[in-house]
Amino acid sequence: MEPRITDSHCHLDFPQFADELPAIRARAAGAGVHRMVTICTRLRAAPAIRALSETLEGVFWAAGTHPMSAAEEPMASVEELCALAEHPRMVGIGETGLDYHYTADTMAVQQESLRIHVEAARRTGLPLIVHARDADDDMARILGEEHRAGPYSCVMHCFSSGRALAEAALDLGFYLSMSGIAAFPRSGELRDIFAAAPLERILVETDAPYLAPPPHRGKRNEPAFAAHTARKGAEVFGMDYADFAAATEANFERLFTRAA
């Protein structure tokens, strides 16, 4: 049997997976991916995503407003997020964060939304799930300010930012998640950032249907492919794959305590 791993971040409700979820779940299991967290990016989709977690074995969920949608969607409230978090299979708050690559014009709204999600994570005790793109300085500043105001746990999902943000996140006790980007041939600098991080702060994910790792790059990603990223992670840390898989499983359960 393949070593067991968890896809800590995917989007099973996206239309790319329509009518295929049982087969996708079966392929994931065959690759050793026994558990996954499907992420809500717009709160109006929360009921459908919650239903997926209730009908698919090994599937948990998280809810938040994606930063690229923050100006288009009603602003989430702390109370709304906390109410969603009462569901026993909801394991995280987000994804939230900052993305200035395409939506820098909404940075003020994104920052407000991020702080609301942080407070919800603080109140519920669930980990914050953060998306960061081209916003390293503001991200490090806000995460630090908020942590000083009151501690919370966090994962930097699909981490592909610079070394300074990685170090700032790790200094706060946060986790870095490896996606297919870390397995791309030209991602040597990113792999060096991961290699310098403590092993006990590393997770793996797909961000499916996006960012498929080799040998599936350019195709639709799916949870089974987390195994390819995890194997690259084992290489980065100079470890046997089974040992790396066991380490990331322990990390996931330490952060996402409800899914343990």
C-alpha atoms as a PDB file:
ATOM      1  CA  MET A   1       0.000   0.000   0.000  1.00  0.00           C
ATOM      2  CA  GLU A   2       1.073   3.580  -0.670  1.00  0.00           C
ATOM      3  CA  PRO A   3       1.982   5.653   2.402  1.00  0.00           C
ATOM      4  CA  ARG A   4      -0.989   7.704   3.561  1.00  0.00           C
ATOM      5  CA  ILE A   5      -0.981  11.440   2.962  1.00  0.00           C
ATOM      6  CA  THR A   6      -3.510  14.280   3.099  1.00  0.00           C
ATOM      7  CA  ASP A   7      -4.346  16.783   0.377  1.00  0.00           C
ATOM      8  CA  SER A   8      -4.682  19.765   2.679  1.00  0.00           C
ATOM      9  CA  HIS A   9      -6.198  22.098   0.066  1.00  0.00           C
ATOM     10  CA  CYS A  10      -8.368  21.388  -2.968  1.00  0.00           C
ATOM     11  CA  HIS A  11     -11.593  22.650  -4.545  1.00  0.00           C
ATOM     12  CA  LEU A  12     -13.871  19.672  -5.138  1.00  0.00           C
ATOM     13  CA  ASP A  13     -16.898  21.881  -5.805  1.00  0.00           C
ATOM     14  CA  PHE A  14     -15.353  23.461  -8.909  1.00  0.00           C
ATOM     15  CA  PRO A  15     -17.012  22.607 -12.239  1.00  0.00           C
ATOM     16  CA  GLN A  16     -13.899  20.780 -13.489  1.00  0.00           C
ATOM     17  CA  PHE A  17     -14.915  17.917 -11.164  1.00  0.00           C
ATOM     18  CA  ALA A  18     -18.621  17.785 -11.961  1.00  0.00           C
ATOM     19  CA  ASP A  19     -20.030  14.235 -11.946  1.00  0.00           C
ATOM     20  CA  GLU A  20     -16.597  12.693 -11.276  1.00  0.00           C
ATOM     21  CA  LEU A  21     -16.207  12.913  -7.532  1.00  0.00           C
ATOM     22  CA  PRO A  22     -16.562   9.192  -6.716  1.00  0.00           C
ATOM     23  CA  ALA A  23     -13.894   8.328  -9.303  1.00  0.00           C
ATOM     24  CA  ILE A  24     -11.641  11.153  -8.117  1.00  0.00           C
ATOM     25  CA  ARG A  25     -12.006   9.949  -4.536  1.00  0.00           C
ATOM     26  CA  ALA A  26     -11.152   6.393  -5.614  1.00  0.00           C
ATOM     27  CA  ARG A  27      -8.038   7.491  -7.525  1.00  0.00           C
ATOM     28  CA  ALA A  28      -6.922   9.519  -4.531  1.00  0.00           C
ATOM     29  CA  ALA A  29      -7.279   6.510  -2.256  1.00  0.00           C
ATOM     30  CA  GLY A  30      -5.265   4.406  -4.698  1.00  0.00           C
ATOM     31  CA  ALA A  31      -2.446   6.958  -4.514  1.00  0.00           C
ATOM     32  CA  GLY A  32      -2.489   6.936  -0.709  1.00  0.00           C
ATOM     33  CA  VAL A  33      -4.392  10.227  -0.395  1.00  0.00           C
ATOM     34  CA  HIS A  34      -6.880   9.122   2.244  1.00  0.00           C
ATOM     35  CA  ARG A  35      -8.058  12.540   3.362  1.00  0.00           C
ATOM     36  CA  MET A  36      -8.565  15.977   1.843  1.00  0.00           C
ATOM     37  CA  VAL A  37      -9.815  19.439   2.741  1.00  0.00           C
ATOM     38  CA  THR A  38     -12.074  21.064   0.152  1.00  0.00           C
ATOM     39  CA  ILE A  39     -12.032  24.834   0.346  1.00  0.00           C
ATOM     40  CA  CYS A  40     -14.887  27.296   0.036  1.00  0.00           C
ATOM     41  CA  THR A  41     -13.812  30.548  -1.671  1.00  0.00           C
ATOM     42  CA  ARG A  42     -17.202  32.328  -1.644  1.00  0.00           C
ATOM     43  CA  LEU A  43     -19.413  31.938   1.410  1.00  0.00           C
ATOM     44  CA  ARG A  44     -22.580  31.520  -0.659  1.00  0.00           C
ATOM     45  CA  ALA A  45     -21.103  28.193  -1.777  1.00  0.00           C
ATOM     46  CA  ALA A  46     -20.700  26.969   1.799  1.00  0.00           C
ATOM     47  CA  PRO A  47     -23.862  24.803   1.922  1.00  0.00           C
ATOM     48  CA  ALA A  48     -22.823  22.811  -1.158  1.00  0.00           C
ATOM     49  CA  ILE A  49     -19.283  22.361   0.097  1.00  0.00           C
ATOM     50  CA  ARG A  50     -20.497  21.309   3.528  1.00  0.00           C
ATOM     51  CA  ALA A  51     -22.674  18.706   1.798  1.00  0.00           C
ATOM     52  CA  LEU A  52     -19.631  17.302  -0.024  1.00  0.00           C
ATOM     53  CA  SER A  53     -17.902  16.768   3.315  1.00  0.00           C
ATOM     54  CA  GLU A  54     -20.955  14.919   4.587  1.00  0.00           C
ATOM     55  CA  THR A  55     -21.220  12.560   1.612  1.00  0.00           C
ATOM     56  CA  LEU A  56     -17.592  11.804   0.638  1.00  0.00           C
ATOM     57  CA  GLU A  57     -15.462   9.689   2.946  1.00  0.00           C
ATOM     58  CA  GLY A  58     -12.339  11.398   4.209  1.00  0.00           C
ATOM     59  CA  VAL A  59     -13.383  14.867   3.008  1.00  0.00           C
ATOM     60  CA  PHE A  60     -13.368  17.864   5.346  1.00  0.00           C
ATOM     61  CA  TRP A  61     -14.008  21.508   4.481  1.00  0.00           C
ATOM     62  CA  ALA A  62     -13.042  25.080   5.230  1.00  0.00           C
ATOM     63  CA  ALA A  63     -14.824  28.330   4.439  1.00  0.00           C
ATOM     64  CA  GLY A  64     -13.844  31.885   3.665  1.00  0.00           C
ATOM     65  CA  THR A  65     -13.771  34.589   1.014  1.00  0.00           C
ATOM     66  CA  HIS A  66     -10.883  34.435  -1.445  1.00  0.00           C
ATOM     67  CA  PRO A  67      -9.011  37.756  -1.650  1.00  0.00           C
ATOM     68  CA  MET A  68      -9.594  38.038  -5.395  1.00  0.00           C
ATOM     69  CA  SER A  69     -13.348  37.870  -4.698  1.00  0.00           C
ATOM     70  CA  ALA A  70     -13.353  40.099  -1.618  1.00  0.00           C
ATOM     71  CA  ALA A  71     -14.646  43.178  -3.485  1.00  0.00           C
ATOM     72  CA  GLU A  72     -17.316  41.211  -5.358  1.00  0.00           C
ATOM     73  CA  GLU A  73     -18.799  39.296  -2.442  1.00  0.00           C
ATOM     74  CA  PRO A  74     -20.591  40.583   0.665  1.00  0.00           C
ATOM     75  CA  MET A  75     -18.043  41.216   3.383  1.00  0.00           C
ATOM     76  CA  ALA A  76     -17.902  38.223   5.699  1.00  0.00           C
ATOM     77  CA  SER A  77     -18.519  38.812   9.380  1.00  0.00           C
ATOM     78  CA  VAL A  78     -16.763  37.164  12.286  1.00  0.00           C
ATOM     79  CA  GLU A  79     -20.109  35.911  13.521  1.00  0.00           C
ATOM     80  CA  GLU A  80     -20.966  34.347  10.154  1.00  0.00           C
ATOM     81  CA  LEU A  81     -17.655  32.501   9.990  1.00  0.00           C
ATOM     82  CA  CYS A  82     -17.966  31.334  13.582  1.00  0.00           C
ATOM     83  CA  ALA A  83     -21.458  30.020  12.895  1.00  0.00           C
ATOM     84  CA  LEU A  84     -20.200  28.002   9.919  1.00  0.00           C
ATOM     85  CA  ALA A  85     -17.412  26.658  12.132  1.00  0.00           C
ATOM     86  CA  GLU A  86     -19.954  24.933  14.360  1.00  0.00           C
ATOM     87  CA  HIS A  87     -20.191  22.177  11.752  1.00  0.00           C
ATOM     88  CA  PRO A  88     -18.023  19.277  12.981  1.00  0.00           C
ATOM     89  CA  ARG A  89     -16.328  18.660   9.623  1.00  0.00           C
ATOM     90  CA  MET A  90     -15.340  22.298   9.076  1.00  0.00           C
ATOM     91  CA  VAL A  91     -11.665  22.357   9.951  1.00  0.00           C
ATOM     92  CA  GLY A  92     -10.320  25.780   8.928  1.00  0.00           C
ATOM     93  CA  ILE A  93     -11.072  29.456   8.240  1.00  0.00           C
ATOM     94  CA  GLY A  94     -10.380  30.521   4.672  1.00  0.00           C
ATOM     95  CA  GLU A  95      -9.058  30.674   2.231  1.00  0.00           C
ATOM     96  CA  THR A  96      -8.432  34.330   2.814  1.00  0.00           C
ATOM     97  CA  GLY A  97      -5.374  36.478   2.263  1.00  0.00           C
ATOM     98  CA  LEU A  98      -3.964  39.081  -0.109  1.00  0.00           C
ATOM     99  CA  ASP A  99      -3.533  38.902  -3.874  1.00  0.00           C
ATOM    100  CA  TYR A 100      -2.140  41.999  -5.563  1.00  0.00           C
ATOM    101  CA  HIS A 101      -1.224  40.270  -8.831  1.00  0.00           C
ATOM    102  CA  TYR A 102      -4.523  40.956 -10.593  1.00  0.00           C
ATOM    103  CA  THR A 103      -6.543  42.727  -7.892  1.00  0.00           C
ATOM    104  CA  ALA A 104      -4.231  45.291  -6.299  1.00  0.00           C
ATOM    105  CA  ASP A 105      -6.973  47.887  -6.754  1.00  0.00           C
ATOM    106  CA  THR A 106      -8.960  46.146  -3.994  1.00  0.00           C
ATOM    107  CA  MET A 107      -6.130  45.870  -1.485  1.00  0.00           C
ATOM    108  CA  ALA A 108      -7.966  47.816   1.223  1.00  0.00           C
ATOM    109  CA  VAL A 109     -10.992  45.509   1.015  1.00  0.00           C
ATOM    110  CA  GLN A 110      -8.740  42.455   0.973  1.00  0.00           C
ATOM    111  CA  GLN A 111      -6.938  43.628   4.101  1.00  0.00           C
ATOM    112  CA  GLU A 112     -10.229  44.228   5.915  1.00  0.00           C
ATOM    113  CA  SER A 113     -11.477  40.784   4.930  1.00  0.00           C
ATOM    114  CA  LEU A 114      -8.218  39.152   6.029  1.00  0.00           C
ATOM    115  CA  ARG A 115      -8.427  40.719   9.487  1.00  0.00           C
ATOM    116  CA  ILE A 116     -12.026  39.513   9.887  1.00  0.00           C
ATOM    117  CA  HIS A 117     -10.949  35.968   9.026  1.00  0.00           C
ATOM    118  CA  VAL A 118      -8.059  36.180  11.485  1.00  0.00           C
ATOM    119  CA  GLU A 119     -10.455  37.123  14.275  1.00  0.00           C
ATOM    120  CA  ALA A 120     -12.720  34.204  13.361  1.00  0.00           C
ATOM    121  CA  ALA A 121      -9.728  31.860  13.484  1.00  0.00           C
ATOM    122  CA  ARG A 122      -8.759  33.289  16.846  1.00  0.00           C
ATOM    123  CA  ARG A 123     -12.258  32.833  18.306  1.00  0.00           C
ATOM    124  CA  THR A 124     -12.897  29.347  16.928  1.00  0.00           C
ATOM    125  CA  GLY A 125      -9.405  27.941  17.428  1.00  0.00           C
ATOM    126  CA  LEU A 126      -9.433  26.710  13.809  1.00  0.00           C
ATOM    127  CA  PRO A 127      -6.402  27.389  11.621  1.00  0.00           C
ATOM    128  CA  LEU A 128      -6.372  30.286   9.197  1.00  0.00           C
ATOM    129  CA  ILE A 129      -5.788  29.296   5.553  1.00  0.00           C
ATOM    130  CA  VAL A 130      -3.886  32.052   3.757  1.00  0.00           C
ATOM    131  CA  HIS A 131      -3.440  32.799   0.058  1.00  0.00           C
ATOM    132  CA  ALA A 132      -0.590  35.247  -0.661  1.00  0.00           C
ATOM    133  CA  ARG A 133       0.464  36.542  -4.061  1.00  0.00           C
ATOM    134  CA  ASP A 134       2.578  39.609  -4.798  1.00  0.00           C
ATOM    135  CA  ALA A 135       1.752  41.028  -1.362  1.00  0.00           C
ATOM    136  CA  ASP A 136       4.599  39.759   0.811  1.00  0.00           C
ATOM    137  CA  ASP A 137       5.273  42.947   2.802  1.00  0.00           C
ATOM    138  CA  ASP A 138       1.647  43.652   3.683  1.00  0.00           C
ATOM    139  CA  MET A 139       1.023  39.987   4.412  1.00  0.00           C
ATOM    140  CA  ALA A 140       3.937  39.718   6.848  1.00  0.00           C
ATOM    141  CA  ARG A 141       2.947  42.984   8.513  1.00  0.00           C
ATOM    142  CA  ILE A 142      -0.732  42.101   8.987  1.00  0.00           C
ATOM    143  CA  LEU A 143      -0.114  38.537  10.148  1.00  0.00           C
ATOM    144  CA  GLY A 144       2.411  39.830  12.671  1.00  0.00           C
ATOM    145  CA  GLU A 145       0.162  42.640  13.926  1.00  0.00           C
ATOM    146  CA  GLU A 146      -2.741  40.271  14.343  1.00  0.00           C
ATOM    147  CA  HIS A 147      -0.659  37.637  16.110  1.00  0.00           C
ATOM    148  CA  ARG A 148       0.557  40.203  18.599  1.00  0.00           C
ATOM    149  CA  ALA A 149      -3.085  41.151  19.228  1.00  0.00           C
ATOM    150  CA  GLY A 150      -3.899  37.527  20.035  1.00  0.00           C
ATOM    151  CA  PRO A 151      -2.415  34.205  18.916  1.00  0.00           C
ATOM    152  CA  TYR A 152      -3.922  32.010  16.204  1.00  0.00           C
ATOM    153  CA  SER A 153      -2.701  29.168  14.008  1.00  0.00           C
ATOM    154  CA  CYS A 154      -2.204  29.421  10.259  1.00  0.00           C
ATOM    155  CA  VAL A 155      -1.035  27.692   7.097  1.00  0.00           C
ATOM    156  CA  MET A 156       0.412  29.577   4.137  1.00  0.00           C
ATOM    157  CA  HIS A 157      -1.354  27.578   1.465  1.00  0.00           C
ATOM    158  CA  CYS A 158       0.345  26.866  -1.873  1.00  0.00           C
ATOM    159  CA  PHE A 159       3.374  28.758  -0.606  1.00  0.00           C
ATOM    160  CA  SER A 160       5.286  30.344  -3.496  1.00  0.00           C
ATOM    161  CA  SER A 161       6.292  33.703  -2.030  1.00  0.00           C
ATOM    162  CA  GLY A 162       9.726  34.915  -1.045  1.00  0.00           C
ATOM    163  CA  ARG A 163      12.082  33.834   1.695  1.00  0.00           C
ATOM    164  CA  ALA A 164      11.276  36.833   3.919  1.00  0.00           C
ATOM    165  CA  LEU A 165       7.573  35.958   4.103  1.00  0.00           C
ATOM    166  CA  ALA A 166       8.406  32.304   4.736  1.00  0.00           C
ATOM    167  CA  GLU A 167      10.645  33.266   7.628  1.00  0.00           C
ATOM    168  CA  ALA A 168       8.062  35.689   9.035  1.00  0.00           C
ATOM    169  CA  ALA A 169       5.385  33.006   8.930  1.00  0.00           C
ATOM    170  CA  LEU A 170       7.619  30.375  10.498  1.00  0.00           C
ATOM    171  CA  ASP A 171       8.667  32.791  13.232  1.00  0.00           C
ATOM    172  CA  LEU A 172       4.975  33.098  14.151  1.00  0.00           C
ATOM    173  CA  GLY A 173       4.679  29.321  14.411  1.00  0.00           C
ATOM    174  CA  PHE A 174       2.800  28.954  11.116  1.00  0.00           C
ATOM    175  CA  TYR A 175       3.008  26.200   8.499  1.00  0.00           C
ATOM    176  CA  LEU A 176       4.041  26.241   4.825  1.00  0.00           C
ATOM    177  CA  SER A 177       2.181  24.063   2.331  1.00  0.00           C
ATOM    178  CA  MET A 178       3.862  22.570  -0.741  1.00  0.00           C
ATOM    179  CA  SER A 179       1.812  22.524  -3.936  1.00  0.00           C
ATOM    180  CA  GLY A 180       2.666  21.338  -7.431  1.00  0.00           C
ATOM    181  CA  ILE A 181       4.607  24.582  -7.941  1.00  0.00           C
ATOM    182  CA  ALA A 182       7.330  23.188  -5.685  1.00  0.00           C
ATOM    183  CA  ALA A 183       7.796  20.315  -8.130  1.00  0.00           C
ATOM    184  CA  PHE A 184       8.134  22.481 -11.252  1.00  0.00           C
ATOM    185  CA  PRO A 185      11.615  22.249 -12.827  1.00  0.00           C
ATOM    186  CA  ARG A 186      12.277  25.985 -12.460  1.00  0.00           C
ATOM    187  CA  SER A 187      11.233  26.166  -8.798  1.00  0.00           C
ATOM    188  CA  GLY A 188      14.673  25.527  -7.364  1.00  0.00           C
ATOM    189  CA  GLU A 189      14.651  28.710  -5.284  1.00  0.00           C
ATOM    190  CA  LEU A 190      11.284  27.784  -3.812  1.00  0.00           C
ATOM    191  CA  ARG A 191      12.511  24.291  -2.974  1.00  0.00           C
ATOM    192  CA  ASP A 192      15.471  25.889  -1.177  1.00  0.00           C
ATOM    193  CA  ILE A 193      13.026  27.901   0.946  1.00  0.00           C
ATOM    194  CA  PHE A 194      11.180  24.736   1.905  1.00  0.00           C
ATOM    195  CA  ALA A 195      14.428  22.883   2.608  1.00  0.00           C
ATOM    196  CA  ALA A 196      15.406  25.593   5.098  1.00  0.00           C
ATOM    197  CA  ALA A 197      12.097  25.275   6.966  1.00  0.00           C
ATOM    198  CA  PRO A 198      11.527  22.911   9.891  1.00  0.00           C
ATOM    199  CA  LEU A 199      10.099  19.610   8.669  1.00  0.00           C
ATOM    200  CA  GLU A 200       7.431  19.771  11.376  1.00  0.00           C
ATOM    201  CA  ARG A 201       5.900  22.855   9.687  1.00  0.00           C
ATOM    202  CA  ILE A 202       5.380  21.352   6.207  1.00  0.00           C
ATOM    203  CA  LEU A 203       2.093  20.271   4.616  1.00  0.00           C
ATOM    204  CA  VAL A 204       1.276  19.070   1.098  1.00  0.00           C
ATOM    205  CA  GLU A 205      -1.638  19.989  -1.136  1.00  0.00           C
ATOM    206  CA  THR A 206      -2.840  20.106  -4.721  1.00  0.00           C
ATOM    207  CA  ASP A 207      -4.936  23.288  -4.969  1.00  0.00           C
ATOM    208  CA  ALA A 208      -6.818  21.118  -7.478  1.00  0.00           C
ATOM    209  CA  PRO A 209      -8.001  21.656 -10.139  1.00  0.00           C
ATOM    210  CA  TYR A 210      -5.026  24.017 -10.556  1.00  0.00           C
ATOM    211  CA  LEU A 211      -1.224  23.652 -10.554  1.00  0.00           C
ATOM    212  CA  ALA A 212      -0.806  19.983 -11.409  1.00  0.00           C
ATOM    213  CA  PRO A 213       2.727  18.759 -10.660  1.00  0.00           C
ATOM    214  CA  PRO A 214       4.867  16.863 -13.158  1.00  0.00           C
ATOM    215  CA  PRO A 215       4.180  14.507 -14.889  1.00  0.00           C
ATOM    216  CA  HIS A 216       0.686  16.013 -15.176  1.00  0.00           C
ATOM    217  CA  ARG A 217       1.657  19.663 -15.538  1.00  0.00           C
ATOM    218  CA  GLY A 218      -0.704  21.574 -17.780  1.00  0.00           C
ATOM    219  CA  LYS A 219      -3.558  19.166 -17.128  1.00  0.00           C
ATOM    220  CA  ARG A 220      -6.363  19.282 -14.610  1.00  0.00           C
ATOM    221  CA  ASN A 221      -5.021  18.648 -11.139  1.00  0.00           C
ATOM    222  CA  GLU A 222      -6.762  16.281  -8.707  1.00  0.00           C
ATOM    223  CA  PRO A 223      -6.136  15.082  -5.134  1.00  0.00           C
ATOM    224  CA  ALA A 224      -4.358  11.870  -6.215  1.00  0.00           C
ATOM    225  CA  PHE A 225      -1.557  14.028  -7.613  1.00  0.00           C
ATOM    226  CA  ALA A 226      -0.631  15.226  -4.117  1.00  0.00           C
ATOM    227  CA  ALA A 227       1.510  12.088  -4.041  1.00  0.00           C
ATOM    228  CA  HIS A 228       3.776  13.514  -6.773  1.00  0.00           C
ATOM    229  CA  THR A 229       4.325  16.703  -4.785  1.00  0.00           C
ATOM    230  CA  ALA A 230       4.932  14.712  -1.615  1.00  0.00           C
ATOM    231  CA  ARG A 231       7.574  12.612  -3.374  1.00  0.00           C
ATOM    232  CA  LYS A 232       9.320  15.807  -4.466  1.00  0.00           C
ATOM    233  CA  GLY A 233       9.073  17.018  -0.888  1.00  0.00           C
ATOM    234  CA  ALA A 234      10.798  13.859   0.297  1.00  0.00           C
ATOM    235  CA  GLU A 235      13.627  14.614  -2.139  1.00  0.00           C
ATOM    236  CA  VAL A 236      13.858  18.208  -0.887  1.00  0.00           C
ATOM    237  CA  PHE A 237      14.273  17.008   2.697  1.00  0.00           C
ATOM    238  CA  GLY A 238      16.491  14.070   1.749  1.00  0.00           C
ATOM    239  CA  MET A 239      14.061  11.572   3.222  1.00  0.00           C
ATOM    240  CA  ASP A 240      12.463   8.273   2.402  1.00  0.00           C
ATOM    241  CA  TYR A 241       8.998   8.917   0.992  1.00  0.00           C
ATOM    242  CA  ALA A 242       7.229   6.920   3.687  1.00  0.00           C
ATOM    243  CA  ASP A 243       8.969   8.917   6.409  1.00  0.00           C
ATOM    244  CA  PHE A 244       8.144  12.239   4.752  1.00  0.00           C
ATOM    245  CA  ALA A 245       4.525  11.157   4.322  1.00  0.00           C
ATOM    246  CA  ALA A 246       4.307  10.225   7.997  1.00  0.00           C
ATOM    247  CA  ALA A 247       5.794  13.568   9.013  1.00  0.00           C
ATOM    248  CA  THR A 248       3.339  15.604   6.948  1.00  0.00           C
ATOM    249  CA  GLU A 249       0.456  13.517   8.290  1.00  0.00           C
ATOM    250  CA  ALA A 250       1.517  14.332  11.842  1.00  0.00           C
ATOM    251  CA  ASN A 251       1.853  18.007  10.903  1.00  0.00           C
ATOM    252  CA  PHE A 252      -1.609  18.084   9.362  1.00  0.00           C
ATOM    253  CA  GLU A 253      -3.198  16.530  12.439  1.00  0.00           C
ATOM    254  CA  ARG A 254      -1.359  18.917  14.743  1.00  0.00           C
ATOM    255  CA  LEU A 255      -2.725  21.924  12.836  1.00  0.00           C
ATOM    256  CA  PHE A 256      -6.121  20.668  11.676  1.00  0.00           C
ATOM    257  CA  THR A 257      -7.089  19.091  14.967  1.00  0.00           C
ATOM    258  CA  ARG A 258     -10.716  18.447  13.998  1.00  0.00           C
ATOM    259  CA  ALA A 259      -9.666  16.254  11.100  1.00  0.00           C
ATOM    260  CA  ALA A 260      -7.370  14.147  13.260  1.00  0.00           C
END
